[in-house]
Amino acid sequence: MRMTGMLGLAGFIAAAPAAAQDYPFKPIRILVGNAPGGGIDITARAVGQKLTEKWGRPAVVDNRPGASGLIAMEVAAQSAPDGYTLMVISGSLIASAGVQKKVAFDVRRAYAPITQLTTVAYMLMVNAALPVASVREFVAYAKSRPGALSYGSSGIGGAGHLAGALFCHLAGVDIVHVPYKGGGLVLADMISGQVQMGFTATISGMPHVRSGKLKVLGMTSAKRVQSFPDIPTIAEAGVPGFELINWYGIFAPAKTSPAIVGALHQAIAQSLSAPEVLAAFAKDGADATPSVSPAQFAALLAKELETWQKLVKLPGFAEIGRAHV
């Protein structure tokens, strides 16, 4: 997860080594640590479909929600490093796992990074019945009701949780965090009014805005998203200094053959350049941003883990450091 700027990446590695030419010969499982319907799940299914088309072998999403994504992460860490178990996860979830005190595995050594998939800006969304029409109005509304409002997230340490903690910290409001097992569940409870606010990926949240079930007040990015030029950033709409950009990436278990990792990187990076994939991501506010190489993706993760070590020491972020499976 990046708190400043988006990393523009392009290009692909050379053809995978000959040792991987027979891969795959059986179905591939793609683990997702969230319930169906959220941005990570939607992205994983798009990747799985492209791998299925390319190789003629099923690449199927296996949802393992719970413990802020850590259940799926532990399954992936313990899986055979043969290229047939992969994991799609957000930068926020894997980085938060790296700073939690009671996680049973070391994310720095448990996985073989393959490639970043997308860069994602989030929408600050509220229940349609809430009597606010802007970020400033919502901040005033929340300040007049300290502790009475709640925001949902896909789990402790996820992008929605971090965005909420950052928003409360910068806006000076007291809004209760309610963790769920996936973004789809957050959306459902925002629509019903069980929680009043959430930070949601545009790819999953925008259909509910268009249907009138939810209202979007602002984007988490530093600049307005090209696909949604009429939606202001949260910073310009009333909370100066707010910015949060996340990414989704795909990993294999540690010790997976470099030849297989290379074959996966090449296939996935090429699939993300498909016109229909680019159009779908652009329409819903996510940019396809494949890493130049697995090594470059690994370097990005290491840098962000270092950043998170500092973030969890700030007021409002301690819950992330204390979380455990």
C-alpha atoms as a PDB file:
ATOM      1  CA  MET A   1       0.000   0.000   0.000  1.00  0.00           C
ATOM      2  CA  ARG A   2       1.247   3.460  -0.852  1.00  0.00           C
ATOM      3  CA  MET A   3       0.272   6.560   1.059  1.00  0.00           C
ATOM      4  CA  THR A   4       1.728   8.864  -1.585  1.00  0.00           C
ATOM      5  CA  GLY A   5       1.587   8.737  -5.356  1.00  0.00           C
ATOM      6  CA  MET A   6       0.981   5.814  -7.698  1.00  0.00           C
ATOM      7  CA  LEU A   7       3.844   3.810  -9.059  1.00  0.00           C
ATOM      8  CA  GLY A   8       3.661   3.701 -12.842  1.00  0.00           C
ATOM      9  CA  LEU A   9       5.030   0.434 -14.127  1.00  0.00           C
ATOM     10  CA  ALA A  10       5.186  -1.121 -17.566  1.00  0.00           C
ATOM     11  CA  GLY A  11       6.969  -3.788 -19.516  1.00  0.00           C
ATOM     12  CA  PHE A  12       7.322  -7.501 -19.226  1.00  0.00           C
ATOM     13  CA  ILE A  13      10.126  -9.985 -18.618  1.00  0.00           C
ATOM     14  CA  ALA A  14      11.552 -12.201 -21.323  1.00  0.00           C
ATOM     15  CA  ALA A  15      10.152 -15.621 -22.128  1.00  0.00           C
ATOM     16  CA  ALA A  16      10.054 -18.047 -19.209  1.00  0.00           C
ATOM     17  CA  PRO A  17      12.834 -20.625 -18.960  1.00  0.00           C
ATOM     18  CA  ALA A  18      12.378 -23.857 -20.854  1.00  0.00           C
ATOM     19  CA  ALA A  19      12.023 -25.796 -17.583  1.00  0.00           C
ATOM     20  CA  ALA A  20       8.533 -24.297 -17.130  1.00  0.00           C
ATOM     21  CA  GLN A  21       7.269 -25.181 -20.607  1.00  0.00           C
ATOM     22  CA  ASP A  22       5.217 -28.136 -19.340  1.00  0.00           C
ATOM     23  CA  TYR A  23       3.513 -26.034 -16.673  1.00  0.00           C
ATOM     24  CA  PRO A  24       0.625 -26.245 -15.912  1.00  0.00           C
ATOM     25  CA  PHE A  25      -0.732 -29.758 -16.342  1.00  0.00           C
ATOM     26  CA  LYS A  26      -3.524 -29.583 -13.713  1.00  0.00           C
ATOM     27  CA  PRO A  27      -5.938 -26.974 -12.249  1.00  0.00           C
ATOM     28  CA  ILE A  28      -4.575 -23.938 -10.405  1.00  0.00           C
ATOM     29  CA  ARG A  29      -6.103 -22.715  -7.148  1.00  0.00           C
ATOM     30  CA  ILE A  30      -6.112 -18.973  -6.433  1.00  0.00           C
ATOM     31  CA  LEU A  31      -6.639 -18.221  -2.745  1.00  0.00           C
ATOM     32  CA  VAL A  32      -8.492 -15.059  -1.699  1.00  0.00           C
ATOM     33  CA  GLY A  33      -8.746 -14.107   1.962  1.00  0.00           C
ATOM     34  CA  ASN A  34     -12.074 -12.325   1.559  1.00  0.00           C
ATOM     35  CA  ALA A  35     -15.669 -13.296   0.886  1.00  0.00           C
ATOM     36  CA  PRO A  36     -16.896 -13.096  -2.733  1.00  0.00           C
ATOM     37  CA  GLY A  37     -17.888  -9.716  -4.103  1.00  0.00           C
ATOM     38  CA  GLY A  38     -15.053  -7.425  -3.002  1.00  0.00           C
ATOM     39  CA  GLY A  39     -12.362  -5.848  -5.140  1.00  0.00           C
ATOM     40  CA  ILE A  40      -9.718  -8.520  -4.423  1.00  0.00           C
ATOM     41  CA  ASP A  41     -12.152 -11.304  -5.315  1.00  0.00           C
ATOM     42  CA  ILE A  42     -13.198  -9.595  -8.551  1.00  0.00           C
ATOM     43  CA  THR A  43      -9.573  -9.034  -9.550  1.00  0.00           C
ATOM     44  CA  ALA A  44      -8.603 -12.634  -8.749  1.00  0.00           C
ATOM     45  CA  ARG A  45     -11.445 -13.971 -10.877  1.00  0.00           C
ATOM     46  CA  ALA A  46     -10.370 -11.808 -13.808  1.00  0.00           C
ATOM     47  CA  VAL A  47      -6.811 -13.183 -13.522  1.00  0.00           C
ATOM     48  CA  GLY A  48      -8.097 -16.744 -13.175  1.00  0.00           C
ATOM     49  CA  GLN A  49     -10.220 -16.402 -16.292  1.00  0.00           C
ATOM     50  CA  LYS A  50      -7.269 -15.172 -18.327  1.00  0.00           C
ATOM     51  CA  LEU A  51      -5.007 -17.993 -17.107  1.00  0.00           C
ATOM     52  CA  THR A  52      -7.720 -20.510 -17.950  1.00  0.00           C
ATOM     53  CA  GLU A  53      -8.020 -19.074 -21.458  1.00  0.00           C
ATOM     54  CA  LYS A  54      -4.261 -19.060 -22.008  1.00  0.00           C
ATOM     55  CA  TRP A  55      -3.385 -22.510 -20.685  1.00  0.00           C
ATOM     56  CA  GLY A  56      -6.612 -24.449 -21.056  1.00  0.00           C
ATOM     57  CA  ARG A  57      -6.448 -25.514 -17.398  1.00  0.00           C
ATOM     58  CA  PRO A  58      -8.944 -24.221 -14.821  1.00  0.00           C
ATOM     59  CA  ALA A  59      -7.624 -21.460 -12.564  1.00  0.00           C
ATOM     60  CA  VAL A  60     -10.279 -21.292  -9.856  1.00  0.00           C
ATOM     61  CA  VAL A  61     -10.701 -18.819  -6.994  1.00  0.00           C
ATOM     62  CA  ASP A  62     -10.878 -20.383  -3.507  1.00  0.00           C
ATOM     63  CA  ASN A  63     -12.323 -17.898  -0.992  1.00  0.00           C
ATOM     64  CA  ARG A  64     -10.999 -18.384   2.555  1.00  0.00           C
ATOM     65  CA  PRO A  65     -12.341 -15.379   4.495  1.00  0.00           C
ATOM     66  CA  GLY A  66     -11.504 -14.698   8.098  1.00  0.00           C
ATOM     67  CA  ALA A  67      -8.879 -13.207  10.423  1.00  0.00           C
ATOM     68  CA  SER A  68      -8.263 -10.230   8.119  1.00  0.00           C
ATOM     69  CA  GLY A  69      -7.024 -12.451   5.294  1.00  0.00           C
ATOM     70  CA  LEU A  70      -4.604 -14.388   7.489  1.00  0.00           C
ATOM     71  CA  ILE A  71      -6.406 -17.720   7.067  1.00  0.00           C
ATOM     72  CA  ALA A  72      -5.806 -17.690   3.311  1.00  0.00           C
ATOM     73  CA  MET A  73      -2.281 -16.394   3.833  1.00  0.00           C
ATOM     74  CA  GLU A  74      -1.435 -19.265   6.164  1.00  0.00           C
ATOM     75  CA  VAL A  75      -2.900 -21.828   3.737  1.00  0.00           C
ATOM     76  CA  ALA A  76      -0.779 -20.344   0.956  1.00  0.00           C
ATOM     77  CA  ALA A  77       2.341 -20.312   3.129  1.00  0.00           C
ATOM     78  CA  GLN A  78       1.889 -24.009   3.937  1.00  0.00           C
ATOM     79  CA  SER A  79       1.023 -25.131   0.383  1.00  0.00           C
ATOM     80  CA  ALA A  80       3.367 -27.081  -1.869  1.00  0.00           C
ATOM     81  CA  PRO A  81       5.618 -24.738  -3.894  1.00  0.00           C
ATOM     82  CA  ASP A  82       4.603 -26.298  -7.197  1.00  0.00           C
ATOM     83  CA  GLY A  83       2.781 -23.411  -8.865  1.00  0.00           C
ATOM     84  CA  TYR A  84      -0.693 -24.869  -8.335  1.00  0.00           C
ATOM     85  CA  THR A  85      -1.596 -22.746  -5.316  1.00  0.00           C
ATOM     86  CA  LEU A  86      -1.463 -18.980  -5.747  1.00  0.00           C
ATOM     87  CA  MET A  87      -2.786 -16.099  -3.662  1.00  0.00           C
ATOM     88  CA  VAL A  88      -4.204 -12.709  -4.627  1.00  0.00           C
ATOM     89  CA  ILE A  89      -4.047 -10.196  -1.807  1.00  0.00           C
ATOM     90  CA  SER A  90      -3.939  -6.460  -1.247  1.00  0.00           C
ATOM     91  CA  GLY A  91      -0.789  -4.617  -0.283  1.00  0.00           C
ATOM     92  CA  SER A  92      -2.474  -3.440   2.898  1.00  0.00           C
ATOM     93  CA  LEU A  93      -3.294  -6.952   4.123  1.00  0.00           C
ATOM     94  CA  ILE A  94       0.073  -8.530   3.456  1.00  0.00           C
ATOM     95  CA  ALA A  95       1.931  -5.527   4.876  1.00  0.00           C
ATOM     96  CA  SER A  96      -0.222  -5.423   8.016  1.00  0.00           C
ATOM     97  CA  ALA A  97       0.425  -9.131   8.567  1.00  0.00           C
ATOM     98  CA  GLY A  98       4.122  -8.318   8.504  1.00  0.00           C
ATOM     99  CA  VAL A  99       3.827  -6.042  11.542  1.00  0.00           C
ATOM    100  CA  GLN A 100       1.321  -7.993  13.643  1.00  0.00           C
ATOM    101  CA  LYS A 101       2.774  -9.424  16.831  1.00  0.00           C
ATOM    102  CA  LYS A 102       1.127 -12.853  16.824  1.00  0.00           C
ATOM    103  CA  VAL A 103       1.212 -13.951  13.180  1.00  0.00           C
ATOM    104  CA  ALA A 104       2.580 -17.488  13.008  1.00  0.00           C
ATOM    105  CA  PHE A 105       4.615 -16.992   9.821  1.00  0.00           C
ATOM    106  CA  ASP A 106       6.967 -14.393   8.375  1.00  0.00           C
ATOM    107  CA  VAL A 107       5.495 -12.764   5.263  1.00  0.00           C
ATOM    108  CA  ARG A 108       9.010 -11.766   4.204  1.00  0.00           C
ATOM    109  CA  ARG A 109       9.949 -15.425   3.741  1.00  0.00           C
ATOM    110  CA  ALA A 110       6.629 -17.222   3.232  1.00  0.00           C
ATOM    111  CA  TYR A 111       5.937 -16.214  -0.373  1.00  0.00           C
ATOM    112  CA  ALA A 112       7.407 -15.839  -3.833  1.00  0.00           C
ATOM    113  CA  PRO A 113       6.097 -12.528  -5.218  1.00  0.00           C
ATOM    114  CA  ILE A 114       4.930 -12.827  -8.827  1.00  0.00           C
ATOM    115  CA  THR A 115       3.537  -9.459  -9.900  1.00  0.00           C
ATOM    116  CA  GLN A 116       1.504  -6.479  -8.863  1.00  0.00           C
ATOM    117  CA  LEU A 117      -1.877  -6.617 -10.601  1.00  0.00           C
ATOM    118  CA  THR A 118      -3.622  -3.288 -10.091  1.00  0.00           C
ATOM    119  CA  THR A 119      -3.384   0.052  -8.378  1.00  0.00           C
ATOM    120  CA  VAL A 120      -6.603   0.930  -6.610  1.00  0.00           C
ATOM    121  CA  ALA A 121      -8.112   4.138  -5.290  1.00  0.00           C
ATOM    122  CA  TYR A 122     -11.026   3.780  -2.882  1.00  0.00           C
ATOM    123  CA  MET A 123     -14.298   5.616  -2.484  1.00  0.00           C
ATOM    124  CA  LEU A 124     -15.550   7.044   0.792  1.00  0.00           C
ATOM    125  CA  MET A 125     -19.125   5.735   0.739  1.00  0.00           C
ATOM    126  CA  VAL A 126     -22.071   6.267   3.075  1.00  0.00           C
ATOM    127  CA  ASN A 127     -25.564   4.871   3.446  1.00  0.00           C
ATOM    128  CA  ALA A 128     -27.938   6.600   1.026  1.00  0.00           C
ATOM    129  CA  ALA A 129     -30.258   7.689   3.847  1.00  0.00           C
ATOM    130  CA  LEU A 130     -27.531   9.592   5.705  1.00  0.00           C
ATOM    131  CA  PRO A 131     -28.347  13.339   5.541  1.00  0.00           C
ATOM    132  CA  VAL A 132     -25.004  14.388   4.090  1.00  0.00           C
ATOM    133  CA  ALA A 133     -23.919  15.222   0.555  1.00  0.00           C
ATOM    134  CA  SER A 134     -20.210  15.996   0.966  1.00  0.00           C
ATOM    135  CA  VAL A 135     -17.143  15.097   2.997  1.00  0.00           C
ATOM    136  CA  ARG A 136     -17.411  18.365   4.945  1.00  0.00           C
ATOM    137  CA  GLU A 137     -21.046  17.656   5.829  1.00  0.00           C
ATOM    138  CA  PHE A 138     -20.167  14.127   6.894  1.00  0.00           C
ATOM    139  CA  VAL A 139     -17.314  15.333   9.134  1.00  0.00           C
ATOM    140  CA  ALA A 140     -19.655  17.836  10.799  1.00  0.00           C
ATOM    141  CA  TYR A 141     -22.316  15.132  11.187  1.00  0.00           C
ATOM    142  CA  ALA A 142     -19.814  12.736  12.774  1.00  0.00           C
ATOM    143  CA  LYS A 143     -18.397  15.387  15.116  1.00  0.00           C
ATOM    144  CA  SER A 144     -21.895  16.035  16.453  1.00  0.00           C
ATOM    145  CA  ARG A 145     -22.292  12.315  17.217  1.00  0.00           C
ATOM    146  CA  PRO A 146     -18.983  11.082  18.693  1.00  0.00           C
ATOM    147  CA  GLY A 147     -18.888   7.290  18.917  1.00  0.00           C
ATOM    148  CA  ALA A 148     -22.402   6.910  17.466  1.00  0.00           C
ATOM    149  CA  LEU A 149     -21.396   6.137  13.871  1.00  0.00           C
ATOM    150  CA  SER A 150     -19.485   3.127  12.568  1.00  0.00           C
ATOM    151  CA  TYR A 151     -17.465   2.221   9.509  1.00  0.00           C
ATOM    152  CA  GLY A 152     -17.020  -1.243   8.060  1.00  0.00           C
ATOM    153  CA  SER A 153     -13.890  -2.803   6.625  1.00  0.00           C
ATOM    154  CA  SER A 154     -12.881  -6.163   5.201  1.00  0.00           C
ATOM    155  CA  GLY A 155     -10.844  -6.838   8.346  1.00  0.00           C
ATOM    156  CA  ILE A 156      -8.233  -5.501  10.734  1.00  0.00           C
ATOM    157  CA  GLY A 157      -5.261  -4.228   8.786  1.00  0.00           C
ATOM    158  CA  GLY A 158      -7.074  -4.070   5.464  1.00  0.00           C
ATOM    159  CA  ALA A 159      -7.224  -0.999   3.257  1.00  0.00           C
ATOM    160  CA  GLY A 160     -10.674  -0.065   4.535  1.00  0.00           C
ATOM    161  CA  HIS A 161      -9.470  -0.209   8.136  1.00  0.00           C
ATOM    162  CA  LEU A 162      -6.345   1.822   7.437  1.00  0.00           C
ATOM    163  CA  ALA A 163      -8.349   4.385   5.450  1.00  0.00           C
ATOM    164  CA  GLY A 164     -10.869   4.697   8.284  1.00  0.00           C
ATOM    165  CA  ALA A 165      -8.178   5.107  10.928  1.00  0.00           C
ATOM    166  CA  LEU A 166      -6.407   7.719   8.816  1.00  0.00           C
ATOM    167  CA  PHE A 167      -9.683   9.552   8.138  1.00  0.00           C
ATOM    168  CA  CYS A 168     -10.636   9.667  11.824  1.00  0.00           C
ATOM    169  CA  HIS A 169      -7.131  10.808  12.769  1.00  0.00           C
ATOM    170  CA  LEU A 170      -6.989  13.652  10.228  1.00  0.00           C
ATOM    171  CA  ALA A 171     -10.640  14.742  10.477  1.00  0.00           C
ATOM    172  CA  GLY A 172     -10.733  14.569  14.278  1.00  0.00           C
ATOM    173  CA  VAL A 173     -13.831  12.362  14.442  1.00  0.00           C
ATOM    174  CA  ASP A 174     -14.718   9.342  16.594  1.00  0.00           C
ATOM    175  CA  ILE A 175     -16.189   6.612  14.366  1.00  0.00           C
ATOM    176  CA  VAL A 176     -16.253   2.971  15.511  1.00  0.00           C
ATOM    177  CA  HIS A 177     -14.468   0.351  13.385  1.00  0.00           C
ATOM    178  CA  VAL A 178     -16.442  -2.824  12.545  1.00  0.00           C
ATOM    179  CA  PRO A 179     -14.337  -5.542  10.828  1.00  0.00           C
ATOM    180  CA  TYR A 180     -15.977  -8.002   8.404  1.00  0.00           C
ATOM    181  CA  LYS A 181     -14.746 -11.032   6.454  1.00  0.00           C
ATOM    182  CA  GLY A 182     -14.911  -9.363   3.066  1.00  0.00           C
ATOM    183  CA  GLY A 183     -15.746  -6.220   1.115  1.00  0.00           C
ATOM    184  CA  GLY A 184     -19.006  -7.659  -0.184  1.00  0.00           C
ATOM    185  CA  LEU A 185     -20.301  -8.009   3.374  1.00  0.00           C
ATOM    186  CA  VAL A 186     -19.350  -4.399   4.156  1.00  0.00           C
ATOM    187  CA  LEU A 187     -21.322  -3.218   1.150  1.00  0.00           C
ATOM    188  CA  ALA A 188     -24.377  -5.224   2.195  1.00  0.00           C
ATOM    189  CA  ASP A 189     -24.394  -3.740   5.692  1.00  0.00           C
ATOM    190  CA  MET A 190     -23.771  -0.215   4.429  1.00  0.00           C
ATOM    191  CA  ILE A 191     -26.801  -0.598   2.165  1.00  0.00           C
ATOM    192  CA  SER A 192     -28.948  -1.864   5.061  1.00  0.00           C
ATOM    193  CA  GLY A 193     -27.644   0.823   7.426  1.00  0.00           C
ATOM    194  CA  GLN A 194     -25.953  -1.501   9.920  1.00  0.00           C
ATOM    195  CA  VAL A 195     -22.822   0.593   9.390  1.00  0.00           C
ATOM    196  CA  GLN A 196     -22.929   4.115   8.041  1.00  0.00           C
ATOM    197  CA  MET A 197     -19.638   4.448   6.229  1.00  0.00           C
ATOM    198  CA  GLY A 198     -16.930   2.495   4.459  1.00  0.00           C
ATOM    199  CA  PHE A 199     -14.015   2.765   2.056  1.00  0.00           C
ATOM    200  CA  THR A 200     -14.709   0.541  -0.921  1.00  0.00           C
ATOM    201  CA  ALA A 201     -12.964  -0.320  -4.155  1.00  0.00           C
ATOM    202  CA  THR A 202     -14.736   1.331  -7.055  1.00  0.00           C
ATOM    203  CA  ILE A 203     -14.824  -1.954  -8.952  1.00  0.00           C
ATOM    204  CA  SER A 204     -17.270  -3.381  -6.400  1.00  0.00           C
ATOM    205  CA  GLY A 205     -18.881  -0.253  -4.932  1.00  0.00           C
ATOM    206  CA  MET A 206     -19.782   1.810  -7.986  1.00  0.00           C
ATOM    207  CA  PRO A 207     -22.736  -0.349  -9.108  1.00  0.00           C
ATOM    208  CA  HIS A 208     -24.457   0.405  -5.773  1.00  0.00           C
ATOM    209  CA  VAL A 209     -23.841   4.129  -6.240  1.00  0.00           C
ATOM    210  CA  ARG A 210     -25.399   3.963  -9.692  1.00  0.00           C
ATOM    211  CA  SER A 211     -28.414   2.123  -8.300  1.00  0.00           C
ATOM    212  CA  GLY A 212     -28.899   4.776  -5.609  1.00  0.00           C
ATOM    213  CA  LYS A 213     -28.292   2.423  -2.682  1.00  0.00           C
ATOM    214  CA  LEU A 214     -25.120   4.197  -1.538  1.00  0.00           C
ATOM    215  CA  LYS A 215     -23.595   7.659  -1.861  1.00  0.00           C
ATOM    216  CA  VAL A 216     -19.969   8.367  -2.698  1.00  0.00           C
ATOM    217  CA  LEU A 217     -18.454  11.460  -1.081  1.00  0.00           C
ATOM    218  CA  GLY A 218     -14.826  11.343  -2.181  1.00  0.00           C
ATOM    219  CA  MET A 219     -11.869   9.401  -3.552  1.00  0.00           C
ATOM    220  CA  THR A 220      -8.825   8.414  -1.493  1.00  0.00           C
ATOM    221  CA  SER A 221      -6.335   9.303  -4.233  1.00  0.00           C
ATOM    222  CA  ALA A 222      -4.220  12.465  -4.389  1.00  0.00           C
ATOM    223  CA  LYS A 223      -5.782  13.482  -7.708  1.00  0.00           C
ATOM    224  CA  ARG A 224      -9.228  12.909  -9.125  1.00  0.00           C
ATOM    225  CA  VAL A 225      -9.614   9.536 -10.814  1.00  0.00           C
ATOM    226  CA  GLN A 226      -9.822   9.965 -14.577  1.00  0.00           C
ATOM    227  CA  SER A 227     -12.743   7.561 -14.832  1.00  0.00           C
ATOM    228  CA  PHE A 228     -14.745   9.557 -12.254  1.00  0.00           C
ATOM    229  CA  PRO A 229     -13.777  13.213 -12.781  1.00  0.00           C
ATOM    230  CA  ASP A 230     -16.851  14.531 -10.934  1.00  0.00           C
ATOM    231  CA  ILE A 231     -15.926  12.849  -7.638  1.00  0.00           C
ATOM    232  CA  PRO A 232     -13.604  15.058  -5.548  1.00  0.00           C
ATOM    233  CA  THR A 233     -10.693  13.710  -3.572  1.00  0.00           C
ATOM    234  CA  ILE A 234     -11.190  13.511   0.185  1.00  0.00           C
ATOM    235  CA  ALA A 235      -8.328  15.969   0.638  1.00  0.00           C
ATOM    236  CA  GLU A 236      -9.895  18.652  -1.541  1.00  0.00           C
ATOM    237  CA  ALA A 237     -13.367  17.976  -0.135  1.00  0.00           C
ATOM    238  CA  GLY A 238     -12.573  18.679   3.490  1.00  0.00           C
ATOM    239  CA  VAL A 239      -9.775  16.536   4.991  1.00  0.00           C
ATOM    240  CA  PRO A 240      -6.440  18.080   3.911  1.00  0.00           C
ATOM    241  CA  GLY A 241      -3.531  15.660   3.731  1.00  0.00           C
ATOM    242  CA  PHE A 242      -5.632  12.542   3.254  1.00  0.00           C
ATOM    243  CA  GLU A 243      -4.311  10.142   0.628  1.00  0.00           C
ATOM    244  CA  LEU A 244      -4.346   6.370   0.377  1.00  0.00           C
ATOM    245  CA  ILE A 245      -3.608   4.166  -2.618  1.00  0.00           C
ATOM    246  CA  ASN A 246      -3.647   0.371  -2.435  1.00  0.00           C
ATOM    247  CA  TRP A 247      -2.567  -2.372  -4.791  1.00  0.00           C
ATOM    248  CA  TYR A 248      -3.504  -5.992  -5.447  1.00  0.00           C
ATOM    249  CA  GLY A 249      -0.807  -8.536  -6.171  1.00  0.00           C
ATOM    250  CA  ILE A 250      -0.367 -12.245  -6.738  1.00  0.00           C
ATOM    251  CA  PHE A 251       2.009 -14.573  -4.883  1.00  0.00           C
ATOM    252  CA  ALA A 252       3.091 -18.222  -4.844  1.00  0.00           C
ATOM    253  CA  PRO A 253       4.455 -20.140  -1.840  1.00  0.00           C
ATOM    254  CA  ALA A 254       8.134 -19.614  -1.064  1.00  0.00           C
ATOM    255  CA  LYS A 255      10.574 -21.909  -2.871  1.00  0.00           C
ATOM    256  CA  THR A 256       8.373 -22.119  -5.960  1.00  0.00           C
ATOM    257  CA  SER A 257      10.638 -22.690  -8.948  1.00  0.00           C
ATOM    258  CA  PRO A 258      11.898 -19.422 -10.491  1.00  0.00           C
ATOM    259  CA  ALA A 259      10.975 -20.906 -13.875  1.00  0.00           C
ATOM    260  CA  ILE A 260       7.338 -21.327 -12.798  1.00  0.00           C
ATOM    261  CA  VAL A 261       7.272 -17.883 -11.166  1.00  0.00           C
ATOM    262  CA  GLY A 262       8.627 -16.452 -14.406  1.00  0.00           C
ATOM    263  CA  ALA A 263       6.021 -18.268 -16.495  1.00  0.00           C
ATOM    264  CA  LEU A 264       3.253 -16.997 -14.237  1.00  0.00           C
ATOM    265  CA  HIS A 265       4.589 -13.447 -14.301  1.00  0.00           C
ATOM    266  CA  GLN A 266       4.750 -13.417 -18.077  1.00  0.00           C
ATOM    267  CA  ALA A 267       1.274 -14.911 -18.550  1.00  0.00           C
ATOM    268  CA  ILE A 268      -0.398 -12.661 -15.976  1.00  0.00           C
ATOM    269  CA  ALA A 269       1.371  -9.467 -17.062  1.00  0.00           C
ATOM    270  CA  GLN A 270       0.394 -10.102 -20.668  1.00  0.00           C
ATOM    271  CA  SER A 271      -3.219 -10.791 -19.670  1.00  0.00           C
ATOM    272  CA  LEU A 272      -3.385  -7.455 -17.854  1.00  0.00           C
ATOM    273  CA  SER A 273      -2.542  -5.682 -21.100  1.00  0.00           C
ATOM    274  CA  ALA A 274      -5.589  -7.155 -22.851  1.00  0.00           C
ATOM    275  CA  PRO A 275      -7.842  -4.316 -24.073  1.00  0.00           C
ATOM    276  CA  GLU A 276     -10.936  -5.743 -22.405  1.00  0.00           C
ATOM    277  CA  VAL A 277      -9.150  -5.986 -19.045  1.00  0.00           C
ATOM    278  CA  LEU A 278      -7.806  -2.435 -19.290  1.00  0.00           C
ATOM    279  CA  ALA A 279     -11.246  -1.134 -20.239  1.00  0.00           C
ATOM    280  CA  ALA A 280     -12.925  -2.936 -17.342  1.00  0.00           C
ATOM    281  CA  PHE A 281     -10.401  -1.638 -14.806  1.00  0.00           C
ATOM    282  CA  ALA A 282     -10.544   1.917 -16.172  1.00  0.00           C
ATOM    283  CA  LYS A 283     -14.338   1.922 -16.041  1.00  0.00           C
ATOM    284  CA  ASP A 284     -14.292   1.006 -12.376  1.00  0.00           C
ATOM    285  CA  GLY A 285     -11.343   3.107 -11.197  1.00  0.00           C
ATOM    286  CA  ALA A 286      -8.536   0.519 -11.018  1.00  0.00           C
ATOM    287  CA  ASP A 287      -5.395   0.646 -13.158  1.00  0.00           C
ATOM    288  CA  ALA A 288      -3.587  -2.461 -14.391  1.00  0.00           C
ATOM    289  CA  THR A 289      -0.005  -2.066 -13.161  1.00  0.00           C
ATOM    290  CA  PRO A 290       2.052  -5.226 -13.733  1.00  0.00           C
ATOM    291  CA  SER A 291       5.496  -5.293 -12.173  1.00  0.00           C
ATOM    292  CA  VAL A 292       8.520  -5.218 -14.437  1.00  0.00           C
ATOM    293  CA  SER A 293       9.706  -8.446 -12.804  1.00  0.00           C
ATOM    294  CA  PRO A 294       9.066 -10.590  -9.716  1.00  0.00           C
ATOM    295  CA  ALA A 295      12.208  -9.067  -8.164  1.00  0.00           C
ATOM    296  CA  GLN A 296      10.843  -5.548  -8.623  1.00  0.00           C
ATOM    297  CA  PHE A 297       7.576  -6.585  -6.965  1.00  0.00           C
ATOM    298  CA  ALA A 298       9.495  -8.120  -4.059  1.00  0.00           C
ATOM    299  CA  ALA A 299      11.396  -4.847  -3.587  1.00  0.00           C
ATOM    300  CA  LEU A 300       8.122  -2.900  -3.458  1.00  0.00           C
ATOM    301  CA  LEU A 301       6.774  -5.215  -0.753  1.00  0.00           C
ATOM    302  CA  ALA A 302       9.949  -4.902   1.345  1.00  0.00           C
ATOM    303  CA  LYS A 303       9.755  -1.100   1.178  1.00  0.00           C
ATOM    304  CA  GLU A 304       6.125  -1.040   2.243  1.00  0.00           C
ATOM    305  CA  LEU A 305       6.719  -3.412   5.155  1.00  0.00           C
ATOM    306  CA  GLU A 306       9.278  -0.922   6.426  1.00  0.00           C
ATOM    307  CA  THR A 307       6.717   1.892   6.120  1.00  0.00           C
ATOM    308  CA  TRP A 308       4.122  -0.093   8.053  1.00  0.00           C
ATOM    309  CA  GLN A 309       6.507  -0.558  10.949  1.00  0.00           C
ATOM    310  CA  LYS A 310       6.215   3.208  11.440  1.00  0.00           C
ATOM    311  CA  LEU A 311       2.462   3.474  10.780  1.00  0.00           C
ATOM    312  CA  VAL A 312       1.356   1.054  13.503  1.00  0.00           C
ATOM    313  CA  LYS A 313       2.940   3.301  16.125  1.00  0.00           C
ATOM    314  CA  LEU A 314       0.578   6.187  15.305  1.00  0.00           C
ATOM    315  CA  PRO A 315      -2.604   6.876  17.333  1.00  0.00           C
ATOM    316  CA  GLY A 316      -5.537   4.860  15.992  1.00  0.00           C
ATOM    317  CA  PHE A 317      -3.377   2.198  14.337  1.00  0.00           C
ATOM    318  CA  ALA A 318      -2.472   0.108  17.399  1.00  0.00           C
ATOM    319  CA  GLU A 319      -5.304  -2.342  16.650  1.00  0.00           C
ATOM    320  CA  ILE A 320      -3.408  -3.438  13.548  1.00  0.00           C
ATOM    321  CA  GLY A 321      -0.234  -4.276  15.457  1.00  0.00           C
ATOM    322  CA  ARG A 322      -2.145  -6.273  18.069  1.00  0.00           C
ATOM    323  CA  ALA A 323      -4.177  -8.352  15.585  1.00  0.00           C
ATOM    324  CA  HIS A 324      -3.645 -12.088  15.329  1.00  0.00           C
ATOM    325  CA  VAL A 325      -5.067 -15.156  13.598  1.00  0.00           C
END
